[in-house]
Amino acid sequence: MGLFGPLPSRQSAPRWFWKVPGPGMSGVVSATLGGLSSDSYCEISQYRDQHFRGSRYLQEKALKFSCTLYVGNLSFYTTEEQIQELFSKCGDVKRIVMGLDKVKKTPCGFCFVEYYTRADAEHAMRFINGTRLDDRIIRTDWDAGFKEGRQFGRGKTGGQVKRVLASALSLASVGLPLADPVQRRACMADPIMN
């Protein structure tokens, strides 16, 4: 049972039937619906992993066929069990990898959720992105696939890069200068921050 009713069979696309009203148009018309790939909820965002090993083309291709989601804006106190409970409502979860502060080895607000099928991942993108978990609005995005080492935050202090940039921007917003020009350029060029 899915979040909003039964999910389509994993073997074939769902078939929907409509009664067609009107003179001379009696009967039932059927149509086979494809996956959710044309759904705006499932479009690939502009974000690209700067540490992806491969060309931009290969990264785009990996994103289009991926069964892995990046989940951000998690509370540091959200457990793997809570994530499992929520995301399993959209399909069978293969694994969850919690994001960790690379220095402290504690949760730092993100994780990766991998499904067995692309269709299940699309359901999660459609129904879970923007929902509340542990009093936080979580966001989901496609990920090209988890590789060992990516569970660690990439910020200088060990956490997420976005948090480091956000704290630097908040200093700038109250009139305090950023630490150096390189950091300032990084903040202004970051699409997440603009």
N, C-alpha and C. Protein backbone atom coordinates (compact mmCIF):
# COMPACT_ATOMS: atom_id res chain seq x y z
N MET A 1 0.86 -1.18 0.00
CA MET A 1 0.00 0.00 0.00
C MET A 1 0.90 1.23 0.00
N GLY A 2 0.67 2.16 -0.89
CA GLY A 2 1.46 3.37 -0.99
C GLY A 2 0.95 4.45 -0.07
N LEU A 3 1.59 5.58 -0.13
CA LEU A 3 1.26 6.71 0.70
C LEU A 3 -0.17 7.19 0.45
N PHE A 4 -0.61 7.15 -0.80
CA PHE A 4 -1.94 7.63 -1.16
C PHE A 4 -2.76 6.56 -1.85
N GLY A 5 -2.56 5.32 -1.51
CA GLY A 5 -3.30 4.23 -2.13
C GLY A 5 -2.34 3.19 -2.67
N PRO A 6 -2.85 2.20 -3.38
CA PRO A 6 -1.98 1.14 -3.86
C PRO A 6 -0.98 1.66 -4.89
N LEU A 7 0.24 1.18 -4.80
CA LEU A 7 1.27 1.55 -5.77
C LEU A 7 1.15 0.64 -6.98
N PRO A 8 1.62 1.10 -8.14
CA PRO A 8 1.56 0.26 -9.32
C PRO A 8 2.43 -0.98 -9.17
N SER A 9 2.06 -2.01 -9.91
CA SER A 9 2.83 -3.25 -9.91
C SER A 9 4.25 -2.96 -10.38
N ARG A 10 5.20 -3.67 -9.82
CA ARG A 10 6.59 -3.48 -10.20
C ARG A 10 6.89 -4.13 -11.55
N GLN A 11 6.00 -5.01 -12.03
CA GLN A 11 6.25 -5.72 -13.28
C GLN A 11 5.81 -4.92 -14.50
N SER A 12 4.76 -4.14 -14.40
CA SER A 12 4.27 -3.42 -15.58
C SER A 12 3.72 -2.06 -15.18
N ALA A 13 3.58 -1.22 -16.18
CA ALA A 13 3.02 0.10 -15.93
C ALA A 13 1.53 -0.03 -15.60
N PRO A 14 1.00 0.86 -14.77
CA PRO A 14 -0.41 0.76 -14.41
C PRO A 14 -1.32 1.07 -15.60
N ARG A 15 -2.48 0.42 -15.64
CA ARG A 15 -3.46 0.70 -16.69
C ARG A 15 -4.64 1.41 -16.04
N TRP A 16 -5.07 2.48 -16.66
CA TRP A 16 -6.19 3.27 -16.16
C TRP A 16 -7.30 3.22 -17.21
N PHE A 17 -8.53 3.19 -16.75
CA PHE A 17 -9.67 3.12 -17.65
C PHE A 17 -10.59 4.31 -17.40
N TRP A 18 -11.07 4.92 -18.48
CA TRP A 18 -11.99 6.04 -18.38
C TRP A 18 -13.28 5.70 -19.13
N LYS A 19 -14.39 6.12 -18.59
CA LYS A 19 -15.66 6.07 -19.31
C LYS A 19 -15.68 7.31 -20.19
N VAL A 20 -15.93 7.11 -21.46
CA VAL A 20 -15.97 8.24 -22.38
C VAL A 20 -17.42 8.64 -22.61
N PRO A 21 -17.82 9.84 -22.16
CA PRO A 21 -19.20 10.28 -22.34
C PRO A 21 -19.42 10.85 -23.74
N GLY A 22 -20.66 11.01 -24.07
CA GLY A 22 -21.00 11.68 -25.33
C GLY A 22 -21.65 10.74 -26.31
N PRO A 23 -22.39 11.33 -27.28
CA PRO A 23 -23.08 10.52 -28.28
C PRO A 23 -22.09 9.80 -29.20
N GLY A 24 -22.35 8.55 -29.41
CA GLY A 24 -21.50 7.76 -30.31
C GLY A 24 -20.14 7.43 -29.72
N MET A 25 -19.92 7.78 -28.46
CA MET A 25 -18.61 7.53 -27.87
C MET A 25 -18.76 6.66 -26.63
N SER A 26 -19.64 5.68 -26.70
CA SER A 26 -19.84 4.83 -25.54
C SER A 26 -18.70 3.83 -25.44
N GLY A 27 -18.54 3.30 -24.29
CA GLY A 27 -17.50 2.31 -24.08
C GLY A 27 -16.42 2.82 -23.14
N VAL A 28 -15.38 2.06 -23.08
CA VAL A 28 -14.29 2.37 -22.17
C VAL A 28 -13.01 2.54 -22.97
N VAL A 29 -12.29 3.59 -22.67
CA VAL A 29 -11.00 3.84 -23.30
C VAL A 29 -9.93 3.52 -22.26
N SER A 30 -8.91 2.80 -22.67
CA SER A 30 -7.83 2.49 -21.72
C SER A 30 -6.52 3.10 -22.20
N ALA A 31 -5.66 3.34 -21.28
CA ALA A 31 -4.34 3.89 -21.61
C ALA A 31 -3.32 3.33 -20.62
N THR A 32 -2.16 3.06 -21.11
CA THR A 32 -1.08 2.62 -20.24
C THR A 32 -0.23 3.83 -19.90
N LEU A 33 -0.05 4.05 -18.60
CA LEU A 33 0.75 5.18 -18.16
C LEU A 33 2.19 4.75 -17.95
N GLY A 34 3.10 5.60 -18.37
CA GLY A 34 4.52 5.30 -18.15
C GLY A 34 4.90 5.67 -16.73
N GLY A 35 6.19 5.60 -16.45
CA GLY A 35 6.70 5.98 -15.13
C GLY A 35 6.49 7.45 -14.88
N LEU A 36 6.92 7.91 -13.76
CA LEU A 36 6.75 9.31 -13.38
C LEU A 36 7.84 10.21 -13.95
N SER A 37 8.65 9.71 -14.86
CA SER A 37 9.80 10.47 -15.33
C SER A 37 9.43 11.80 -15.96
N SER A 38 8.21 11.95 -16.48
CA SER A 38 7.80 13.23 -17.04
C SER A 38 7.20 14.14 -15.98
N ASP A 39 7.04 13.64 -14.78
CA ASP A 39 6.47 14.39 -13.68
C ASP A 39 7.46 15.45 -13.21
N SER A 40 7.00 16.67 -12.99
CA SER A 40 7.90 17.75 -12.59
C SER A 40 8.58 17.47 -11.26
N TYR A 41 7.97 16.65 -10.41
CA TYR A 41 8.59 16.30 -9.13
C TYR A 41 9.85 15.47 -9.35
N CYS A 42 9.94 14.81 -10.47
CA CYS A 42 11.04 13.88 -10.70
C CYS A 42 12.11 14.44 -11.62
N GLU A 43 12.00 15.71 -11.98
CA GLU A 43 13.02 16.31 -12.84
C GLU A 43 14.34 16.40 -12.09
N ILE A 44 15.41 16.36 -12.84
CA ILE A 44 16.75 16.44 -12.26
C ILE A 44 17.08 17.90 -12.01
N SER A 45 17.54 18.21 -10.80
CA SER A 45 17.84 19.59 -10.43
C SER A 45 19.13 20.07 -11.10
N GLN A 46 19.47 21.32 -10.89
CA GLN A 46 20.68 21.90 -11.45
C GLN A 46 21.93 21.51 -10.67
N TYR A 47 21.77 21.01 -9.44
CA TYR A 47 22.94 20.67 -8.63
C TYR A 47 23.71 19.50 -9.25
N ARG A 48 25.02 19.60 -9.26
CA ARG A 48 25.89 18.51 -9.71
C ARG A 48 27.00 18.32 -8.69
N ASP A 49 27.29 17.07 -8.37
CA ASP A 49 28.35 16.74 -7.43
C ASP A 49 29.69 17.08 -8.07
N GLN A 50 30.42 18.01 -7.46
CA GLN A 50 31.71 18.45 -8.00
C GLN A 50 32.79 17.37 -7.89
N HIS A 51 32.55 16.35 -7.08
CA HIS A 51 33.53 15.28 -6.89
C HIS A 51 33.19 14.04 -7.71
N PHE A 52 32.20 14.12 -8.59
CA PHE A 52 31.82 12.98 -9.43
C PHE A 52 32.99 12.64 -10.35
N ARG A 53 33.33 11.36 -10.40
CA ARG A 53 34.43 10.92 -11.27
C ARG A 53 33.84 10.49 -12.61
N GLY A 54 34.01 11.33 -13.59
CA GLY A 54 33.47 11.07 -14.91
C GLY A 54 33.02 12.37 -15.55
N SER A 55 32.63 12.28 -16.80
CA SER A 55 32.21 13.48 -17.54
C SER A 55 30.84 13.95 -17.09
N ARG A 56 30.51 15.15 -17.49
CA ARG A 56 29.18 15.72 -17.20
C ARG A 56 28.10 14.84 -17.82
N TYR A 57 28.37 14.34 -19.03
CA TYR A 57 27.42 13.46 -19.73
C TYR A 57 27.16 12.19 -18.91
N LEU A 58 28.23 11.58 -18.40
CA LEU A 58 28.07 10.36 -17.60
C LEU A 58 27.31 10.64 -16.31
N GLN A 59 27.54 11.81 -15.73
CA GLN A 59 26.82 12.17 -14.51
C GLN A 59 25.33 12.35 -14.80
N GLU A 60 25.00 13.02 -15.90
CA GLU A 60 23.60 13.21 -16.30
C GLU A 60 22.93 11.85 -16.52
N LYS A 61 23.62 10.96 -17.20
CA LYS A 61 23.07 9.64 -17.48
C LYS A 61 22.84 8.86 -16.18
N ALA A 62 23.81 8.93 -15.28
CA ALA A 62 23.68 8.23 -13.99
C ALA A 62 22.49 8.78 -13.21
N LEU A 63 22.28 10.09 -13.24
CA LEU A 63 21.15 10.70 -12.53
C LEU A 63 19.81 10.26 -13.11
N LYS A 64 19.74 10.13 -14.43
CA LYS A 64 18.49 9.76 -15.08
C LYS A 64 18.05 8.32 -14.78
N PHE A 65 19.00 7.46 -14.46
CA PHE A 65 18.67 6.06 -14.21
C PHE A 65 18.88 5.65 -12.75
N SER A 66 19.24 6.60 -11.92
CA SER A 66 19.57 6.30 -10.53
C SER A 66 18.36 5.88 -9.70
N CYS A 67 18.61 5.06 -8.72
CA CYS A 67 17.59 4.66 -7.73
C CYS A 67 17.95 5.24 -6.36
N THR A 68 18.91 6.17 -6.33
CA THR A 68 19.41 6.74 -5.09
C THR A 68 18.99 8.19 -4.95
N LEU A 69 18.55 8.55 -3.75
CA LEU A 69 18.16 9.93 -3.45
C LEU A 69 19.07 10.51 -2.38
N TYR A 70 19.39 11.78 -2.55
CA TYR A 70 20.04 12.55 -1.49
C TYR A 70 18.89 13.16 -0.68
N VAL A 71 18.96 13.10 0.63
CA VAL A 71 17.94 13.69 1.50
C VAL A 71 18.65 14.71 2.38
N GLY A 72 18.22 15.96 2.29
CA GLY A 72 18.87 17.02 3.05
C GLY A 72 17.94 17.71 4.01
N ASN A 73 18.52 18.57 4.82
CA ASN A 73 17.84 19.35 5.86
C ASN A 73 17.26 18.47 6.96
N LEU A 74 17.93 17.36 7.23
CA LEU A 74 17.52 16.49 8.33
C LEU A 74 17.98 17.08 9.66
N SER A 75 17.23 16.81 10.69
CA SER A 75 17.67 17.16 12.04
C SER A 75 18.87 16.28 12.38
N PHE A 76 19.77 16.80 13.18
CA PHE A 76 20.92 16.00 13.61
C PHE A 76 20.47 14.84 14.49
N TYR A 77 19.24 14.88 14.96
CA TYR A 77 18.71 13.85 15.85
C TYR A 77 17.81 12.84 15.14
N THR A 78 17.58 13.01 13.85
CA THR A 78 16.77 12.06 13.09
C THR A 78 17.52 10.74 12.98
N THR A 79 16.82 9.65 13.26
CA THR A 79 17.46 8.33 13.24
C THR A 79 17.26 7.63 11.90
N GLU A 80 18.09 6.64 11.67
CA GLU A 80 17.96 5.82 10.47
C GLU A 80 16.61 5.11 10.45
N GLU A 81 16.12 4.72 11.61
CA GLU A 81 14.83 4.04 11.70
C GLU A 81 13.69 4.96 11.27
N GLN A 82 13.74 6.23 11.64
CA GLN A 82 12.71 7.18 11.22
C GLN A 82 12.73 7.36 9.70
N ILE A 83 13.91 7.43 9.14
CA ILE A 83 14.03 7.58 7.68
C ILE A 83 13.51 6.32 6.99
N GLN A 84 13.86 5.16 7.52
CA GLN A 84 13.37 3.89 6.97
C GLN A 84 11.84 3.85 6.99
N GLU A 85 11.27 4.24 8.11
CA GLU A 85 9.81 4.21 8.24
C GLU A 85 9.13 5.12 7.22
N LEU A 86 9.66 6.32 7.04
CA LEU A 86 9.05 7.27 6.11
C LEU A 86 9.25 6.84 4.65
N PHE A 87 10.48 6.54 4.27
CA PHE A 87 10.77 6.27 2.86
C PHE A 87 10.26 4.91 2.40
N SER A 88 10.07 3.97 3.31
CA SER A 88 9.55 2.66 2.91
C SER A 88 8.07 2.73 2.53
N LYS A 89 7.41 3.85 2.82
CA LYS A 89 6.02 4.03 2.39
C LYS A 89 5.91 4.18 0.87
N CYS A 90 7.04 4.47 0.23
CA CYS A 90 7.03 4.65 -1.22
C CYS A 90 7.62 3.46 -1.97
N GLY A 91 8.11 2.47 -1.26
CA GLY A 91 8.67 1.30 -1.92
C GLY A 91 9.71 0.63 -1.05
N ASP A 92 10.29 -0.43 -1.60
CA ASP A 92 11.29 -1.21 -0.86
C ASP A 92 12.63 -0.49 -0.85
N VAL A 93 13.10 -0.14 0.34
CA VAL A 93 14.37 0.56 0.50
C VAL A 93 15.50 -0.47 0.55
N LYS A 94 16.49 -0.28 -0.30
CA LYS A 94 17.65 -1.19 -0.34
C LYS A 94 18.61 -0.88 0.81
N ARG A 95 18.95 0.42 0.98
CA ARG A 95 19.80 0.81 2.10
C ARG A 95 19.71 2.31 2.34
N ILE A 96 20.09 2.68 3.54
CA ILE A 96 20.15 4.08 3.96
C ILE A 96 21.55 4.33 4.48
N VAL A 97 22.17 5.41 4.01
CA VAL A 97 23.51 5.78 4.48
C VAL A 97 23.40 7.16 5.10
N MET A 98 23.62 7.23 6.41
CA MET A 98 23.52 8.50 7.13
C MET A 98 24.76 9.34 6.87
N GLY A 99 24.56 10.65 6.64
CA GLY A 99 25.67 11.57 6.49
C GLY A 99 26.30 11.85 7.85
N LEU A 100 27.62 11.84 7.89
CA LEU A 100 28.34 12.03 9.15
C LEU A 100 29.33 13.18 9.06
N ASP A 101 29.48 13.88 10.16
CA ASP A 101 30.53 14.88 10.29
C ASP A 101 31.86 14.13 10.21
N LYS A 102 32.74 14.52 9.28
CA LYS A 102 33.97 13.74 9.08
C LYS A 102 34.93 13.84 10.26
N VAL A 103 34.78 14.85 11.10
CA VAL A 103 35.65 14.99 12.27
C VAL A 103 35.05 14.29 13.48
N LYS A 104 33.79 14.60 13.81
CA LYS A 104 33.16 14.07 15.02
C LYS A 104 32.48 12.72 14.82
N LYS A 105 32.24 12.32 13.55
CA LYS A 105 31.53 11.08 13.22
C LYS A 105 30.12 11.05 13.80
N THR A 106 29.47 12.20 13.83
CA THR A 106 28.09 12.33 14.29
C THR A 106 27.22 12.75 13.11
N PRO A 107 25.90 12.50 13.15
CA PRO A 107 25.03 12.90 12.04
C PRO A 107 25.15 14.40 11.76
N CYS A 108 25.12 14.76 10.48
CA CYS A 108 25.26 16.18 10.14
C CYS A 108 24.17 16.67 9.18
N GLY A 109 23.00 16.04 9.18
CA GLY A 109 21.85 16.62 8.50
C GLY A 109 21.53 16.13 7.10
N PHE A 110 22.14 15.04 6.65
CA PHE A 110 21.77 14.50 5.34
C PHE A 110 21.93 12.99 5.34
N CYS A 111 21.38 12.36 4.31
CA CYS A 111 21.56 10.92 4.14
C CYS A 111 21.32 10.57 2.68
N PHE A 112 21.60 9.34 2.33
CA PHE A 112 21.30 8.79 1.02
C PHE A 112 20.32 7.64 1.22
N VAL A 113 19.27 7.61 0.40
CA VAL A 113 18.30 6.52 0.44
C VAL A 113 18.34 5.84 -0.92
N GLU A 114 18.62 4.55 -0.92
CA GLU A 114 18.69 3.80 -2.16
C GLU A 114 17.53 2.82 -2.23
N TYR A 115 16.81 2.86 -3.35
CA TYR A 115 15.69 1.94 -3.59
C TYR A 115 16.13 0.84 -4.54
N TYR A 116 15.33 -0.21 -4.62
CA TYR A 116 15.60 -1.29 -5.56
C TYR A 116 15.20 -0.89 -6.98
N THR A 117 14.19 -0.03 -7.12
CA THR A 117 13.73 0.36 -8.45
C THR A 117 13.65 1.88 -8.60
N ARG A 118 13.78 2.32 -9.81
CA ARG A 118 13.67 3.75 -10.12
C ARG A 118 12.25 4.24 -9.81
N ALA A 119 11.25 3.42 -10.10
CA ALA A 119 9.86 3.82 -9.87
C ALA A 119 9.61 4.14 -8.39
N ASP A 120 10.17 3.34 -7.50
CA ASP A 120 10.00 3.61 -6.07
C ASP A 120 10.68 4.92 -5.68
N ALA A 121 11.87 5.16 -6.23
CA ALA A 121 12.57 6.41 -5.96
C ALA A 121 11.78 7.60 -6.49
N GLU A 122 11.13 7.45 -7.63
CA GLU A 122 10.30 8.52 -8.19
C GLU A 122 9.11 8.80 -7.28
N HIS A 123 8.53 7.75 -6.71
CA HIS A 123 7.42 7.95 -5.77
C HIS A 123 7.90 8.77 -4.57
N ALA A 124 9.07 8.47 -4.08
CA ALA A 124 9.61 9.22 -2.94
C ALA A 124 9.86 10.68 -3.32
N MET A 125 10.40 10.90 -4.51
CA MET A 125 10.62 12.29 -4.97
C MET A 125 9.30 13.03 -5.02
N ARG A 126 8.27 12.37 -5.48
CA ARG A 126 6.98 13.01 -5.66
C ARG A 126 6.26 13.26 -4.33
N PHE A 127 6.27 12.26 -3.45
CA PHE A 127 5.43 12.34 -2.26
C PHE A 127 6.16 12.75 -0.98
N ILE A 128 7.47 12.62 -0.93
CA ILE A 128 8.18 12.91 0.32
C ILE A 128 8.92 14.23 0.28
N ASN A 129 9.41 14.64 -0.88
CA ASN A 129 10.14 15.91 -0.98
C ASN A 129 9.27 17.05 -0.44
N GLY A 130 9.81 17.82 0.49
CA GLY A 130 9.07 18.95 1.05
C GLY A 130 8.19 18.60 2.23
N THR A 131 8.22 17.35 2.69
CA THR A 131 7.42 16.98 3.86
C THR A 131 8.22 17.22 5.14
N ARG A 132 7.54 17.11 6.25
CA ARG A 132 8.15 17.39 7.56
C ARG A 132 8.56 16.08 8.23
N LEU A 133 9.80 16.07 8.73
CA LEU A 133 10.31 14.95 9.51
C LEU A 133 11.11 15.54 10.67
N ASP A 134 10.76 15.19 11.88
CA ASP A 134 11.43 15.74 13.07
C ASP A 134 11.38 17.27 13.09
N ASP A 135 10.22 17.83 12.76
CA ASP A 135 10.02 19.28 12.73
C ASP A 135 10.92 20.02 11.75
N ARG A 136 11.38 19.33 10.70
CA ARG A 136 12.19 19.97 9.66
C ARG A 136 11.56 19.63 8.31
N ILE A 137 11.54 20.59 7.41
CA ILE A 137 11.09 20.34 6.04
C ILE A 137 12.27 19.73 5.29
N ILE A 138 12.13 18.47 4.91
CA ILE A 138 13.24 17.79 4.23
C ILE A 138 13.14 17.98 2.73
N ARG A 139 14.27 17.90 2.07
CA ARG A 139 14.29 18.00 0.61
C ARG A 139 15.00 16.79 0.05
N THR A 140 14.51 16.32 -1.07
CA THR A 140 15.13 15.18 -1.73
C THR A 140 15.62 15.61 -3.10
N ASP A 141 16.66 14.96 -3.57
CA ASP A 141 17.21 15.24 -4.88
C ASP A 141 17.83 13.95 -5.41
N TRP A 142 17.92 13.84 -6.71
CA TRP A 142 18.52 12.66 -7.31
C TRP A 142 20.01 12.65 -7.01
N ASP A 143 20.54 11.46 -6.83
CA ASP A 143 21.98 11.29 -6.62
C ASP A 143 22.47 10.23 -7.59
N ALA A 144 23.66 10.43 -8.11
CA ALA A 144 24.20 9.52 -9.13
C ALA A 144 24.52 8.14 -8.58
N GLY A 145 24.45 7.97 -7.27
CA GLY A 145 24.74 6.68 -6.66
C GLY A 145 25.78 6.85 -5.57
N PHE A 146 25.54 6.22 -4.45
CA PHE A 146 26.43 6.36 -3.31
C PHE A 146 27.75 5.65 -3.55
N LYS A 147 28.83 6.32 -3.22
CA LYS A 147 30.17 5.73 -3.23
C LYS A 147 30.76 5.91 -1.84
N GLU A 148 31.52 4.94 -1.39
CA GLU A 148 32.13 5.00 -0.06
C GLU A 148 32.91 6.31 0.11
N GLY A 149 32.73 6.93 1.24
CA GLY A 149 33.39 8.20 1.53
C GLY A 149 32.47 9.40 1.39
N ARG A 150 31.39 9.24 0.63
CA ARG A 150 30.48 10.36 0.42
C ARG A 150 29.57 10.61 1.61
N GLN A 151 29.59 9.71 2.59
CA GLN A 151 28.75 9.90 3.76
C GLN A 151 29.32 10.98 4.68
N PHE A 152 30.55 11.42 4.41
CA PHE A 152 31.16 12.42 5.28
C PHE A 152 30.93 13.82 4.73
N GLY A 153 30.62 14.76 5.63
CA GLY A 153 30.46 16.15 5.24
C GLY A 153 31.75 16.69 4.64
N ARG A 154 31.64 17.61 3.70
CA ARG A 154 32.81 18.13 2.99
C ARG A 154 33.25 19.51 3.46
N GLY A 155 32.55 20.05 4.45
CA GLY A 155 32.93 21.37 4.95
C GLY A 155 34.24 21.33 5.73
N LYS A 156 34.87 22.49 5.89
CA LYS A 156 36.15 22.58 6.60
C LYS A 156 36.03 22.08 8.03
N THR A 157 34.88 22.29 8.65
CA THR A 157 34.70 21.86 10.04
C THR A 157 34.16 20.44 10.14
N GLY A 158 33.95 19.78 9.01
CA GLY A 158 33.48 18.40 9.01
C GLY A 158 32.03 18.23 8.63
N GLY A 159 31.24 19.30 8.71
CA GLY A 159 29.82 19.22 8.38
C GLY A 159 29.57 19.43 6.90
N GLN A 160 28.32 19.73 6.57
CA GLN A 160 27.95 19.96 5.18
C GLN A 160 28.55 21.28 4.69
N VAL A 161 28.88 21.32 3.41
CA VAL A 161 29.41 22.54 2.80
C VAL A 161 28.38 23.65 2.88
N LYS A 162 27.11 23.32 2.64
CA LYS A 162 26.06 24.34 2.65
C LYS A 162 26.03 25.07 3.99
N ARG A 163 26.19 24.34 5.09
CA ARG A 163 26.16 24.96 6.41
C ARG A 163 27.34 25.91 6.60
N VAL A 164 28.51 25.54 6.11
CA VAL A 164 29.68 26.40 6.23
C VAL A 164 29.43 27.69 5.44
N LEU A 165 28.92 27.57 4.21
CA LEU A 165 28.65 28.74 3.39
C LEU A 165 27.55 29.59 4.00
N ALA A 166 26.52 28.97 4.53
CA ALA A 166 25.42 29.72 5.12
C ALA A 166 25.91 30.52 6.32
N SER A 167 26.78 29.95 7.14
CA SER A 167 27.27 30.70 8.30
C SER A 167 28.15 31.85 7.85
N ALA A 168 28.92 31.67 6.77
CA ALA A 168 29.74 32.76 6.25
C ALA A 168 28.86 33.87 5.70
N LEU A 169 27.79 33.51 5.00
CA LEU A 169 26.88 34.53 4.47
C LEU A 169 26.16 35.27 5.58
N SER A 170 25.82 34.58 6.66
CA SER A 170 25.14 35.27 7.75
C SER A 170 26.07 36.28 8.40
N LEU A 171 27.37 36.00 8.45
CA LEU A 171 28.32 36.99 8.95
C LEU A 171 28.34 38.21 8.04
N ALA A 172 28.35 37.97 6.73
CA ALA A 172 28.37 39.07 5.77
C ALA A 172 27.10 39.91 5.85
N SER A 173 25.97 39.27 6.13
CA SER A 173 24.70 40.00 6.15
C SER A 173 24.60 40.97 7.32
N VAL A 174 25.39 40.75 8.38
CA VAL A 174 25.37 41.68 9.51
C VAL A 174 26.56 42.63 9.46
N GLY A 175 27.25 42.68 8.30
CA GLY A 175 28.31 43.65 8.12
C GLY A 175 29.70 43.16 8.44
N LEU A 176 29.85 41.91 8.85
CA LEU A 176 31.18 41.38 9.13
C LEU A 176 31.77 40.82 7.84
N PRO A 177 33.04 41.09 7.57
CA PRO A 177 33.64 40.60 6.32
C PRO A 177 33.84 39.09 6.36
N LEU A 178 33.77 38.48 5.19
CA LEU A 178 34.09 37.06 5.08
C LEU A 178 35.59 36.89 5.27
N ALA A 179 35.99 35.70 5.65
CA ALA A 179 37.39 35.43 5.99
C ALA A 179 38.37 35.81 4.88
N ASP A 180 38.08 35.45 3.65
CA ASP A 180 38.99 35.78 2.56
C ASP A 180 38.22 35.88 1.25
N PRO A 181 38.82 36.49 0.23
CA PRO A 181 38.12 36.67 -1.06
C PRO A 181 37.72 35.36 -1.72
N VAL A 182 38.52 34.31 -1.55
CA VAL A 182 38.19 33.01 -2.16
C VAL A 182 36.89 32.48 -1.56
N GLN A 183 36.75 32.57 -0.24
CA GLN A 183 35.53 32.11 0.42
C GLN A 183 34.35 32.96 -0.03
N ARG A 184 34.54 34.27 -0.19
CA ARG A 184 33.47 35.16 -0.63
C ARG A 184 32.99 34.75 -2.02
N ARG A 185 33.95 34.48 -2.96
CA ARG A 185 33.57 34.06 -4.31
C ARG A 185 32.83 32.73 -4.28
N ALA A 186 33.27 31.81 -3.43
CA ALA A 186 32.60 30.51 -3.33
C ALA A 186 31.16 30.68 -2.88
N CYS A 187 30.93 31.58 -1.94
CA CYS A 187 29.57 31.82 -1.45
C CYS A 187 28.69 32.41 -2.54
N MET A 188 29.22 33.35 -3.28
CA MET A 188 28.42 34.01 -4.30
C MET A 188 28.17 33.11 -5.51
N ALA A 189 29.07 32.18 -5.78
CA ALA A 189 28.92 31.30 -6.94
C ALA A 189 28.07 30.08 -6.64
N ASP A 190 27.79 29.81 -5.38
CA ASP A 190 27.05 28.61 -5.01
C ASP A 190 25.58 28.75 -5.36
N PRO A 191 25.02 27.89 -6.26
CA PRO A 191 23.62 28.01 -6.65
C PRO A 191 22.65 27.77 -5.50
N ILE A 192 23.07 27.02 -4.48
CA ILE A 192 22.19 26.77 -3.34
C ILE A 192 21.97 28.05 -2.56
N MET A 193 23.00 28.88 -2.48
CA MET A 193 22.92 30.08 -1.66
C MET A 193 22.27 31.25 -2.39
N ASN A 194 22.17 31.19 -3.70
CA ASN A 194 21.59 32.32 -4.46
C ASN A 194 20.17 32.05 -4.84
